[in-house]
Amino acid sequence: MLRLSTFFLLLSMQVSAQKKDTVFLQKLLESKPELFSKILNHPTKNEVQILYTQIDRDEKNLPHFTSFSFNLNPKRYFYPASTVKLPTLIFALEKANRLKIDGIKTASMQTDSSFAGQTKVSIDTSAENGLPSIQHYIKKILLVSDNDAYNRLYEFVGREEINQKLKKYGLNNSRIISRLAVGDTGESAKHTNPIQFYTGKNSIYKQAEQFDATNYPMQLDYMLQGKGYLDTNDKLVNEPFDFSEKNIFTIPDQQEVLKRLL
């Protein structure tokens, strides 16, 4: 059972300053040219970025971090895929705690629709009671990286609050601006569904649809990638894919989230 009552303001916890090393991994890779020569000779072509962080704890069990990097460049775009789910579920827990409504994390979470492309959710056959909830969505994300579970928490928190929280916690090189695996771009990503929570037949919280008018432009290198892609109709488009409206979650920011959870 997840301890959902844990308050995730751990994200604001102070961590000890980390040492940075950009040489060790380079030398380690160079020591095995038979394994890594292609990476070393073409680091940009292969899009390899490495950030390894060693964790040491002192006598008070406080973590101290020493980071080693290779070819790390927060300004070079890569698609973060499912890594955006962790901060989103943390922000969902923070919002649920802030609401201070008894039972909201396990209450039936009924998602409606109010904008083109949105879908409703009233049941969840993977849940023990057959009903969707914040708790079960989090479980599905952590156990099987469920895309729909992430999308529902994205809708609960709202795009604006998600990105405000990223900035609040110093994750300044990242943005989370869309759902996953549903072709969510442009106006549809700015609109999130109305939601109502129930315990039994009693409504305990109602959230109206939300609209985030803010754009989150970020200029990174290599936002156009590849030579072709399949569009939403599975037709081949013979041009690079444009990632300028996609999520951004840099490797250093990803590690900051993990370190603060420790």
C-alpha atoms as a PDB file:
ATOM      1  CA  MET A   1       0.000   0.000   0.000  1.00  0.00           C
ATOM      2  CA  LEU A   2       1.380   3.396  -0.967  1.00  0.00           C
ATOM      3  CA  ARG A   3       1.818   5.804   1.907  1.00  0.00           C
ATOM      4  CA  LEU A   4      -0.161   8.525   0.226  1.00  0.00           C
ATOM      5  CA  SER A   5      -0.371  10.570   3.396  1.00  0.00           C
ATOM      6  CA  THR A   6       3.326  11.399   3.096  1.00  0.00           C
ATOM      7  CA  PHE A   7       3.599  15.072   2.315  1.00  0.00           C
ATOM      8  CA  PHE A   8       5.764  15.620  -0.725  1.00  0.00           C
ATOM      9  CA  LEU A   9       7.129  18.988   0.235  1.00  0.00           C
ATOM     10  CA  LEU A  10      10.272  16.900   0.375  1.00  0.00           C
ATOM     11  CA  LEU A  11      10.825  18.532  -2.961  1.00  0.00           C
ATOM     12  CA  SER A  12      11.779  21.717  -1.145  1.00  0.00           C
ATOM     13  CA  MET A  13      14.207  19.929   1.160  1.00  0.00           C
ATOM     14  CA  GLN A  14      17.708  21.311   1.197  1.00  0.00           C
ATOM     15  CA  VAL A  15      20.340  18.941  -0.107  1.00  0.00           C
ATOM     16  CA  SER A  16      24.056  19.273   0.294  1.00  0.00           C
ATOM     17  CA  ALA A  17      25.979  20.890  -2.536  1.00  0.00           C
ATOM     18  CA  GLN A  18      27.203  18.353  -5.014  1.00  0.00           C
ATOM     19  CA  LYS A  19      30.628  18.043  -6.550  1.00  0.00           C
ATOM     20  CA  LYS A  20      30.818  17.870 -10.317  1.00  0.00           C
ATOM     21  CA  ASP A  21      33.213  15.794 -12.365  1.00  0.00           C
ATOM     22  CA  THR A  22      33.297  15.872 -16.166  1.00  0.00           C
ATOM     23  CA  VAL A  23      36.515  13.847 -16.550  1.00  0.00           C
ATOM     24  CA  PHE A  24      36.001  10.490 -14.809  1.00  0.00           C
ATOM     25  CA  LEU A  25      33.388   9.051 -17.169  1.00  0.00           C
ATOM     26  CA  GLN A  26      35.315  10.263 -20.203  1.00  0.00           C
ATOM     27  CA  LYS A  27      38.404   8.378 -19.044  1.00  0.00           C
ATOM     28  CA  LEU A  28      36.337   5.331 -18.111  1.00  0.00           C
ATOM     29  CA  LEU A  29      34.865   5.148 -21.608  1.00  0.00           C
ATOM     30  CA  GLU A  30      38.266   5.723 -23.189  1.00  0.00           C
ATOM     31  CA  SER A  31      39.688   2.799 -21.211  1.00  0.00           C
ATOM     32  CA  LYS A  32      37.409   0.427 -23.157  1.00  0.00           C
ATOM     33  CA  PRO A  33      37.640   1.568 -26.789  1.00  0.00           C
ATOM     34  CA  GLU A  34      36.441  -1.807 -28.021  1.00  0.00           C
ATOM     35  CA  LEU A  35      33.119  -1.088 -26.304  1.00  0.00           C
ATOM     36  CA  PHE A  36      32.726   2.673 -26.499  1.00  0.00           C
ATOM     37  CA  SER A  37      34.706   3.974 -29.491  1.00  0.00           C
ATOM     38  CA  LYS A  38      31.545   4.638 -31.520  1.00  0.00           C
ATOM     39  CA  ILE A  39      30.124   6.738 -28.697  1.00  0.00           C
ATOM     40  CA  LEU A  40      33.375   8.614 -28.132  1.00  0.00           C
ATOM     41  CA  ASN A  41      33.901   9.280 -31.830  1.00  0.00           C
ATOM     42  CA  HIS A  42      30.310  10.377 -32.465  1.00  0.00           C
ATOM     43  CA  PRO A  43      28.815  11.579 -29.151  1.00  0.00           C
ATOM     44  CA  THR A  44      26.423  14.006 -30.829  1.00  0.00           C
ATOM     45  CA  LYS A  45      25.263  11.608 -33.530  1.00  0.00           C
ATOM     46  CA  ASN A  46      24.490   8.924 -30.959  1.00  0.00           C
ATOM     47  CA  GLU A  47      22.830  11.473 -28.624  1.00  0.00           C
ATOM     48  CA  VAL A  48      24.488   9.974 -25.567  1.00  0.00           C
ATOM     49  CA  GLN A  49      24.291  11.981 -22.350  1.00  0.00           C
ATOM     50  CA  ILE A  50      25.291  10.455 -19.030  1.00  0.00           C
ATOM     51  CA  LEU A  51      24.805  11.792 -15.509  1.00  0.00           C
ATOM     52  CA  TYR A  52      25.814   9.386 -12.762  1.00  0.00           C
ATOM     53  CA  THR A  53      25.441  10.476  -9.148  1.00  0.00           C
ATOM     54  CA  GLN A  54      27.056   8.688  -6.229  1.00  0.00           C
ATOM     55  CA  ILE A  55      25.140   8.827  -2.944  1.00  0.00           C
ATOM     56  CA  ASP A  56      27.005   8.817   0.373  1.00  0.00           C
ATOM     57  CA  ARG A  57      25.289   9.224   3.717  1.00  0.00           C
ATOM     58  CA  ASP A  58      26.862  10.805   6.776  1.00  0.00           C
ATOM     59  CA  GLU A  59      26.487   9.796  10.429  1.00  0.00           C
ATOM     60  CA  LYS A  60      23.101  11.544  10.505  1.00  0.00           C
ATOM     61  CA  ASN A  61      21.997   9.561   7.436  1.00  0.00           C
ATOM     62  CA  LEU A  62      21.855  12.725   5.343  1.00  0.00           C
ATOM     63  CA  PRO A  63      22.658  12.184   1.665  1.00  0.00           C
ATOM     64  CA  HIS A  64      25.668  13.762  -0.013  1.00  0.00           C
ATOM     65  CA  PHE A  65      25.918  13.652  -3.778  1.00  0.00           C
ATOM     66  CA  THR A  66      28.877  13.503  -6.140  1.00  0.00           C
ATOM     67  CA  SER A  67      27.991  13.711  -9.816  1.00  0.00           C
ATOM     68  CA  PHE A  68      29.911  12.480 -12.840  1.00  0.00           C
ATOM     69  CA  SER A  69      28.831  13.475 -16.336  1.00  0.00           C
ATOM     70  CA  PHE A  70      29.652  12.762 -19.951  1.00  0.00           C
ATOM     71  CA  ASN A  71      28.494  14.924 -22.844  1.00  0.00           C
ATOM     72  CA  LEU A  72      25.781  16.410 -20.625  1.00  0.00           C
ATOM     73  CA  ASN A  73      23.984  19.303 -22.273  1.00  0.00           C
ATOM     74  CA  PRO A  74      20.631  20.543 -20.889  1.00  0.00           C
ATOM     75  CA  LYS A  75      20.249  22.708 -23.992  1.00  0.00           C
ATOM     76  CA  ARG A  76      20.230  19.709 -26.336  1.00  0.00           C
ATOM     77  CA  TYR A  77      16.714  18.328 -26.673  1.00  0.00           C
ATOM     78  CA  PHE A  78      15.757  14.740 -26.061  1.00  0.00           C
ATOM     79  CA  TYR A  79      12.222  13.412 -25.672  1.00  0.00           C
ATOM     80  CA  PRO A  80      11.600  12.686 -21.949  1.00  0.00           C
ATOM     81  CA  ALA A  81       8.730  10.231 -22.531  1.00  0.00           C
ATOM     82  CA  SER A  82       7.423   8.689 -19.280  1.00  0.00           C
ATOM     83  CA  THR A  83       9.908  10.436 -16.983  1.00  0.00           C
ATOM     84  CA  VAL A  84       7.431  13.347 -16.687  1.00  0.00           C
ATOM     85  CA  LYS A  85       5.081  11.082 -14.736  1.00  0.00           C
ATOM     86  CA  LEU A  86       7.027  11.225 -11.459  1.00  0.00           C
ATOM     87  CA  PRO A  87       6.840  14.996 -10.850  1.00  0.00           C
ATOM     88  CA  THR A  88       3.224  15.000 -12.006  1.00  0.00           C
ATOM     89  CA  LEU A  89       2.157  12.370  -9.478  1.00  0.00           C
ATOM     90  CA  ILE A  90       4.082  14.209  -6.754  1.00  0.00           C
ATOM     91  CA  PHE A  91       2.238  17.424  -7.589  1.00  0.00           C
ATOM     92  CA  ALA A  92      -1.060  15.507  -7.539  1.00  0.00           C
ATOM     93  CA  LEU A  93      -0.304  14.349  -3.995  1.00  0.00           C
ATOM     94  CA  GLU A  94       0.615  17.872  -2.979  1.00  0.00           C
ATOM     95  CA  LYS A  95      -2.665  19.192  -4.367  1.00  0.00           C
ATOM     96  CA  ALA A  96      -4.681  16.466  -2.631  1.00  0.00           C
ATOM     97  CA  ASN A  97      -2.962  17.290   0.662  1.00  0.00           C
ATOM     98  CA  ARG A  98      -3.532  21.011   0.158  1.00  0.00           C
ATOM     99  CA  LEU A  99      -7.279  20.470  -0.346  1.00  0.00           C
ATOM    100  CA  LYS A 100      -7.526  18.835   3.111  1.00  0.00           C
ATOM    101  CA  ILE A 101     -10.566  16.769   2.170  1.00  0.00           C
ATOM    102  CA  ASP A 102     -10.839  13.487   4.051  1.00  0.00           C
ATOM    103  CA  GLY A 103     -10.601  10.491   1.770  1.00  0.00           C
ATOM    104  CA  ILE A 104      -9.967  12.370  -1.464  1.00  0.00           C
ATOM    105  CA  LYS A 105      -6.979  10.195  -2.428  1.00  0.00           C
ATOM    106  CA  THR A 106      -9.049   7.014  -2.357  1.00  0.00           C
ATOM    107  CA  ALA A 107     -12.382   8.548  -3.415  1.00  0.00           C
ATOM    108  CA  SER A 108     -13.932   7.661  -6.759  1.00  0.00           C
ATOM    109  CA  MET A 109     -12.460  10.122  -9.278  1.00  0.00           C
ATOM    110  CA  GLN A 110     -15.025  10.727 -12.019  1.00  0.00           C
ATOM    111  CA  THR A 111     -13.545  12.512 -15.017  1.00  0.00           C
ATOM    112  CA  ASP A 112     -15.885  14.241 -17.467  1.00  0.00           C
ATOM    113  CA  SER A 113     -15.138  15.913 -20.814  1.00  0.00           C
ATOM    114  CA  SER A 114     -15.678  19.488 -21.960  1.00  0.00           C
ATOM    115  CA  PHE A 115     -13.345  20.078 -24.922  1.00  0.00           C
ATOM    116  CA  ALA A 116     -12.718  18.407 -28.259  1.00  0.00           C
ATOM    117  CA  GLY A 117     -10.686  15.221 -27.919  1.00  0.00           C
ATOM    118  CA  GLN A 118     -11.231  14.792 -24.180  1.00  0.00           C
ATOM    119  CA  THR A 119     -12.491  11.467 -22.835  1.00  0.00           C
ATOM    120  CA  LYS A 120     -14.520  10.485 -19.788  1.00  0.00           C
ATOM    121  CA  VAL A 121     -13.556   7.955 -17.107  1.00  0.00           C
ATOM    122  CA  SER A 122     -16.034   6.465 -14.635  1.00  0.00           C
ATOM    123  CA  ILE A 123     -14.681   2.934 -14.048  1.00  0.00           C
ATOM    124  CA  ASP A 124     -11.285   1.286 -13.691  1.00  0.00           C
ATOM    125  CA  THR A 125     -11.373  -2.483 -13.990  1.00  0.00           C
ATOM    126  CA  SER A 126      -7.807  -2.762 -12.684  1.00  0.00           C
ATOM    127  CA  ALA A 127      -8.837  -1.281  -9.313  1.00  0.00           C
ATOM    128  CA  GLU A 128     -10.025  -3.588  -6.538  1.00  0.00           C
ATOM    129  CA  ASN A 129     -13.324  -1.708  -6.258  1.00  0.00           C
ATOM    130  CA  GLY A 130     -13.586  -1.054  -9.995  1.00  0.00           C
ATOM    131  CA  LEU A 131     -13.336   2.718  -9.560  1.00  0.00           C
ATOM    132  CA  PRO A 132     -10.630   5.210 -10.532  1.00  0.00           C
ATOM    133  CA  SER A 133      -8.869   7.181  -7.790  1.00  0.00           C
ATOM    134  CA  ILE A 134      -5.764   9.266  -7.231  1.00  0.00           C
ATOM    135  CA  GLN A 135      -4.262   6.427  -5.220  1.00  0.00           C
ATOM    136  CA  HIS A 136      -4.839   3.826  -7.921  1.00  0.00           C
ATOM    137  CA  TYR A 137      -3.615   6.100 -10.709  1.00  0.00           C
ATOM    138  CA  ILE A 138      -0.379   6.601  -8.791  1.00  0.00           C
ATOM    139  CA  LYS A 139      -0.050   2.857  -8.272  1.00  0.00           C
ATOM    140  CA  LYS A 140      -0.526   2.258 -12.005  1.00  0.00           C
ATOM    141  CA  ILE A 141       2.116   4.842 -12.879  1.00  0.00           C
ATOM    142  CA  LEU A 142       4.695   3.428 -10.480  1.00  0.00           C
ATOM    143  CA  LEU A 143       4.007  -0.223 -11.323  1.00  0.00           C
ATOM    144  CA  VAL A 144       3.430  -0.215 -15.083  1.00  0.00           C
ATOM    145  CA  SER A 145       4.049   3.400 -16.194  1.00  0.00           C
ATOM    146  CA  ASP A 146       0.430   3.711 -17.291  1.00  0.00           C
ATOM    147  CA  ASN A 147      -0.092   6.577 -19.750  1.00  0.00           C
ATOM    148  CA  ASP A 148      -3.789   7.127 -19.046  1.00  0.00           C
ATOM    149  CA  ALA A 149      -3.122   7.286 -15.295  1.00  0.00           C
ATOM    150  CA  TYR A 150      -0.589  10.043 -15.934  1.00  0.00           C
ATOM    151  CA  ASN A 151      -3.041  11.875 -18.193  1.00  0.00           C
ATOM    152  CA  ARG A 152      -5.717  11.829 -15.470  1.00  0.00           C
ATOM    153  CA  LEU A 153      -3.353  13.255 -12.866  1.00  0.00           C
ATOM    154  CA  TYR A 154      -2.193  15.866 -15.396  1.00  0.00           C
ATOM    155  CA  GLU A 155      -5.855  16.873 -15.689  1.00  0.00           C
ATOM    156  CA  PHE A 156      -6.352  16.898 -11.911  1.00  0.00           C
ATOM    157  CA  VAL A 157      -3.347  19.102 -11.183  1.00  0.00           C
ATOM    158  CA  GLY A 158      -3.756  21.252 -14.289  1.00  0.00           C
ATOM    159  CA  ARG A 159      -1.073  22.333 -16.723  1.00  0.00           C
ATOM    160  CA  GLU A 160      -0.597  25.755 -15.172  1.00  0.00           C
ATOM    161  CA  GLU A 161       0.001  24.430 -11.649  1.00  0.00           C
ATOM    162  CA  ILE A 162       2.358  21.716 -12.896  1.00  0.00           C
ATOM    163  CA  ASN A 163       4.604  24.280 -14.539  1.00  0.00           C
ATOM    164  CA  GLN A 164       4.373  26.698 -11.622  1.00  0.00           C
ATOM    165  CA  LYS A 165       5.563  23.886  -9.359  1.00  0.00           C
ATOM    166  CA  LEU A 166       8.478  23.054 -11.652  1.00  0.00           C
ATOM    167  CA  LYS A 167       9.670  26.645 -11.368  1.00  0.00           C
ATOM    168  CA  LYS A 168       8.969  26.789  -7.620  1.00  0.00           C
ATOM    169  CA  TYR A 169      11.287  23.850  -7.041  1.00  0.00           C
ATOM    170  CA  GLY A 170      14.021  25.211  -9.276  1.00  0.00           C
ATOM    171  CA  LEU A 171      13.445  22.829 -12.188  1.00  0.00           C
ATOM    172  CA  ASN A 172      13.884  25.721 -14.579  1.00  0.00           C
ATOM    173  CA  ASN A 173      14.986  23.796 -17.646  1.00  0.00           C
ATOM    174  CA  SER A 174      11.839  21.688 -17.863  1.00  0.00           C
ATOM    175  CA  ARG A 175       8.193  21.974 -18.805  1.00  0.00           C
ATOM    176  CA  ILE A 176       5.265  19.551 -18.791  1.00  0.00           C
ATOM    177  CA  ILE A 177       2.687  20.782 -21.263  1.00  0.00           C
ATOM    178  CA  SER A 178       0.788  17.800 -22.619  1.00  0.00           C
ATOM    179  CA  ARG A 179      -0.760  14.405 -22.021  1.00  0.00           C
ATOM    180  CA  LEU A 180       0.932  11.284 -23.374  1.00  0.00           C
ATOM    181  CA  ALA A 181       0.042   8.936 -26.233  1.00  0.00           C
ATOM    182  CA  VAL A 182      -3.131  10.772 -27.305  1.00  0.00           C
ATOM    183  CA  GLY A 183      -1.708  13.278 -29.797  1.00  0.00           C
ATOM    184  CA  ASP A 184      -2.097  16.101 -27.295  1.00  0.00           C
ATOM    185  CA  THR A 185      -0.790  19.389 -28.726  1.00  0.00           C
ATOM    186  CA  GLY A 186      -1.860  22.995 -29.158  1.00  0.00           C
ATOM    187  CA  GLU A 187      -5.192  24.038 -27.688  1.00  0.00           C
ATOM    188  CA  SER A 188      -6.214  20.568 -26.519  1.00  0.00           C
ATOM    189  CA  ALA A 189      -3.198  20.389 -24.195  1.00  0.00           C
ATOM    190  CA  LYS A 190      -4.207  23.695 -22.591  1.00  0.00           C
ATOM    191  CA  HIS A 191      -7.676  22.423 -21.646  1.00  0.00           C
ATOM    192  CA  THR A 192      -8.151  19.909 -18.834  1.00  0.00           C
ATOM    193  CA  ASN A 193     -11.301  18.007 -17.932  1.00  0.00           C
ATOM    194  CA  PRO A 194     -13.871  18.707 -15.220  1.00  0.00           C
ATOM    195  CA  ILE A 195     -13.550  16.195 -12.368  1.00  0.00           C
ATOM    196  CA  GLN A 196     -15.740  15.194  -9.434  1.00  0.00           C
ATOM    197  CA  PHE A 197     -14.835  13.022  -6.435  1.00  0.00           C
ATOM    198  CA  TYR A 198     -17.298  10.772  -4.611  1.00  0.00           C
ATOM    199  CA  THR A 199     -17.352   8.644  -1.495  1.00  0.00           C
ATOM    200  CA  GLY A 200     -20.306   6.399  -2.099  1.00  0.00           C
ATOM    201  CA  LYS A 201     -22.991   8.642  -3.581  1.00  0.00           C
ATOM    202  CA  ASN A 202     -21.727  11.762  -1.834  1.00  0.00           C
ATOM    203  CA  SER A 203     -19.754  14.323  -3.816  1.00  0.00           C
ATOM    204  CA  ILE A 204     -16.805  15.561  -1.746  1.00  0.00           C
ATOM    205  CA  TYR A 205     -15.031  17.764  -4.297  1.00  0.00           C
ATOM    206  CA  LYS A 206     -15.860  19.219  -7.698  1.00  0.00           C
ATOM    207  CA  GLN A 207     -13.281  20.739 -10.003  1.00  0.00           C
ATOM    208  CA  ALA A 208     -14.335  22.682 -13.080  1.00  0.00           C
ATOM    209  CA  GLU A 209     -12.554  22.383 -16.387  1.00  0.00           C
ATOM    210  CA  GLN A 210      -9.327  24.379 -16.479  1.00  0.00           C
ATOM    211  CA  PHE A 211      -7.626  26.395 -19.211  1.00  0.00           C
ATOM    212  CA  ASP A 212      -3.973  27.368 -19.205  1.00  0.00           C
ATOM    213  CA  ALA A 213      -3.433  30.405 -21.428  1.00  0.00           C
ATOM    214  CA  THR A 214       0.299  30.462 -20.758  1.00  0.00           C
ATOM    215  CA  ASN A 215       2.801  29.311 -23.337  1.00  0.00           C
ATOM    216  CA  TYR A 216       6.105  27.873 -22.180  1.00  0.00           C
ATOM    217  CA  PRO A 217       8.588  28.557 -24.980  1.00  0.00           C
ATOM    218  CA  MET A 218      12.029  27.052 -24.530  1.00  0.00           C
ATOM    219  CA  GLN A 219      14.772  27.334 -27.104  1.00  0.00           C
ATOM    220  CA  LEU A 220      16.769  24.130 -27.215  1.00  0.00           C
ATOM    221  CA  ASP A 221      19.015  22.708 -29.887  1.00  0.00           C
ATOM    222  CA  TYR A 222      17.807  19.835 -32.078  1.00  0.00           C
ATOM    223  CA  MET A 223      14.087  20.404 -31.663  1.00  0.00           C
ATOM    224  CA  LEU A 224      13.777  19.036 -35.202  1.00  0.00           C
ATOM    225  CA  GLN A 225      14.917  15.423 -35.339  1.00  0.00           C
ATOM    226  CA  GLY A 226      14.937  12.504 -37.728  1.00  0.00           C
ATOM    227  CA  LYS A 227      14.145  12.221 -41.423  1.00  0.00           C
ATOM    228  CA  GLY A 228      10.517  11.149 -41.256  1.00  0.00           C
ATOM    229  CA  TYR A 229       7.695  10.026 -38.975  1.00  0.00           C
ATOM    230  CA  LEU A 230       4.222   8.495 -38.997  1.00  0.00           C
ATOM    231  CA  ASP A 231       1.403  10.990 -38.469  1.00  0.00           C
ATOM    232  CA  THR A 232      -1.826  10.345 -36.548  1.00  0.00           C
ATOM    233  CA  ASN A 233      -3.192   8.495 -39.589  1.00  0.00           C
ATOM    234  CA  ASP A 234      -0.087   6.283 -39.774  1.00  0.00           C
ATOM    235  CA  LYS A 235       1.026   7.995 -42.965  1.00  0.00           C
ATOM    236  CA  LEU A 236       4.718   8.579 -43.553  1.00  0.00           C
ATOM    237  CA  VAL A 237       5.760  12.235 -43.463  1.00  0.00           C
ATOM    238  CA  ASN A 238       9.182  12.644 -45.061  1.00  0.00           C
ATOM    239  CA  GLU A 239      10.498  15.472 -42.932  1.00  0.00           C
ATOM    240  CA  PRO A 240      12.026  15.862 -39.455  1.00  0.00           C
ATOM    241  CA  PHE A 241       9.698  15.645 -36.469  1.00  0.00           C
ATOM    242  CA  ASP A 242       9.132  18.926 -34.629  1.00  0.00           C
ATOM    243  CA  PHE A 243       9.415  18.589 -30.829  1.00  0.00           C
ATOM    244  CA  SER A 244       8.834  22.293 -30.119  1.00  0.00           C
ATOM    245  CA  GLU A 245       5.412  21.587 -28.545  1.00  0.00           C
ATOM    246  CA  LYS A 246       6.488  18.525 -26.578  1.00  0.00           C
ATOM    247  CA  ASN A 247       7.399  18.045 -22.932  1.00  0.00           C
ATOM    248  CA  ILE A 248      10.906  18.897 -21.756  1.00  0.00           C
ATOM    249  CA  PHE A 249      12.471  17.274 -18.690  1.00  0.00           C
ATOM    250  CA  THR A 250      16.246  17.565 -18.676  1.00  0.00           C
ATOM    251  CA  ILE A 251      18.526  14.965 -17.126  1.00  0.00           C
ATOM    252  CA  PRO A 252      19.810  17.337 -14.382  1.00  0.00           C
ATOM    253  CA  ASP A 253      16.232  18.255 -13.445  1.00  0.00           C
ATOM    254  CA  GLN A 254      15.244  14.580 -13.382  1.00  0.00           C
ATOM    255  CA  GLN A 255      18.036  13.852 -10.937  1.00  0.00           C
ATOM    256  CA  GLU A 256      17.085  16.825  -8.784  1.00  0.00           C
ATOM    257  CA  VAL A 257      13.639  15.294  -8.270  1.00  0.00           C
ATOM    258  CA  LEU A 258      15.146  11.933  -7.333  1.00  0.00           C
ATOM    259  CA  LYS A 259      17.688  13.482  -4.959  1.00  0.00           C
ATOM    260  CA  ARG A 260      15.063  15.471  -3.112  1.00  0.00           C
ATOM    261  CA  LEU A 261      12.947  12.383  -2.642  1.00  0.00           C
ATOM    262  CA  LEU A 262      15.877  10.753  -0.874  1.00  0.00           C
END
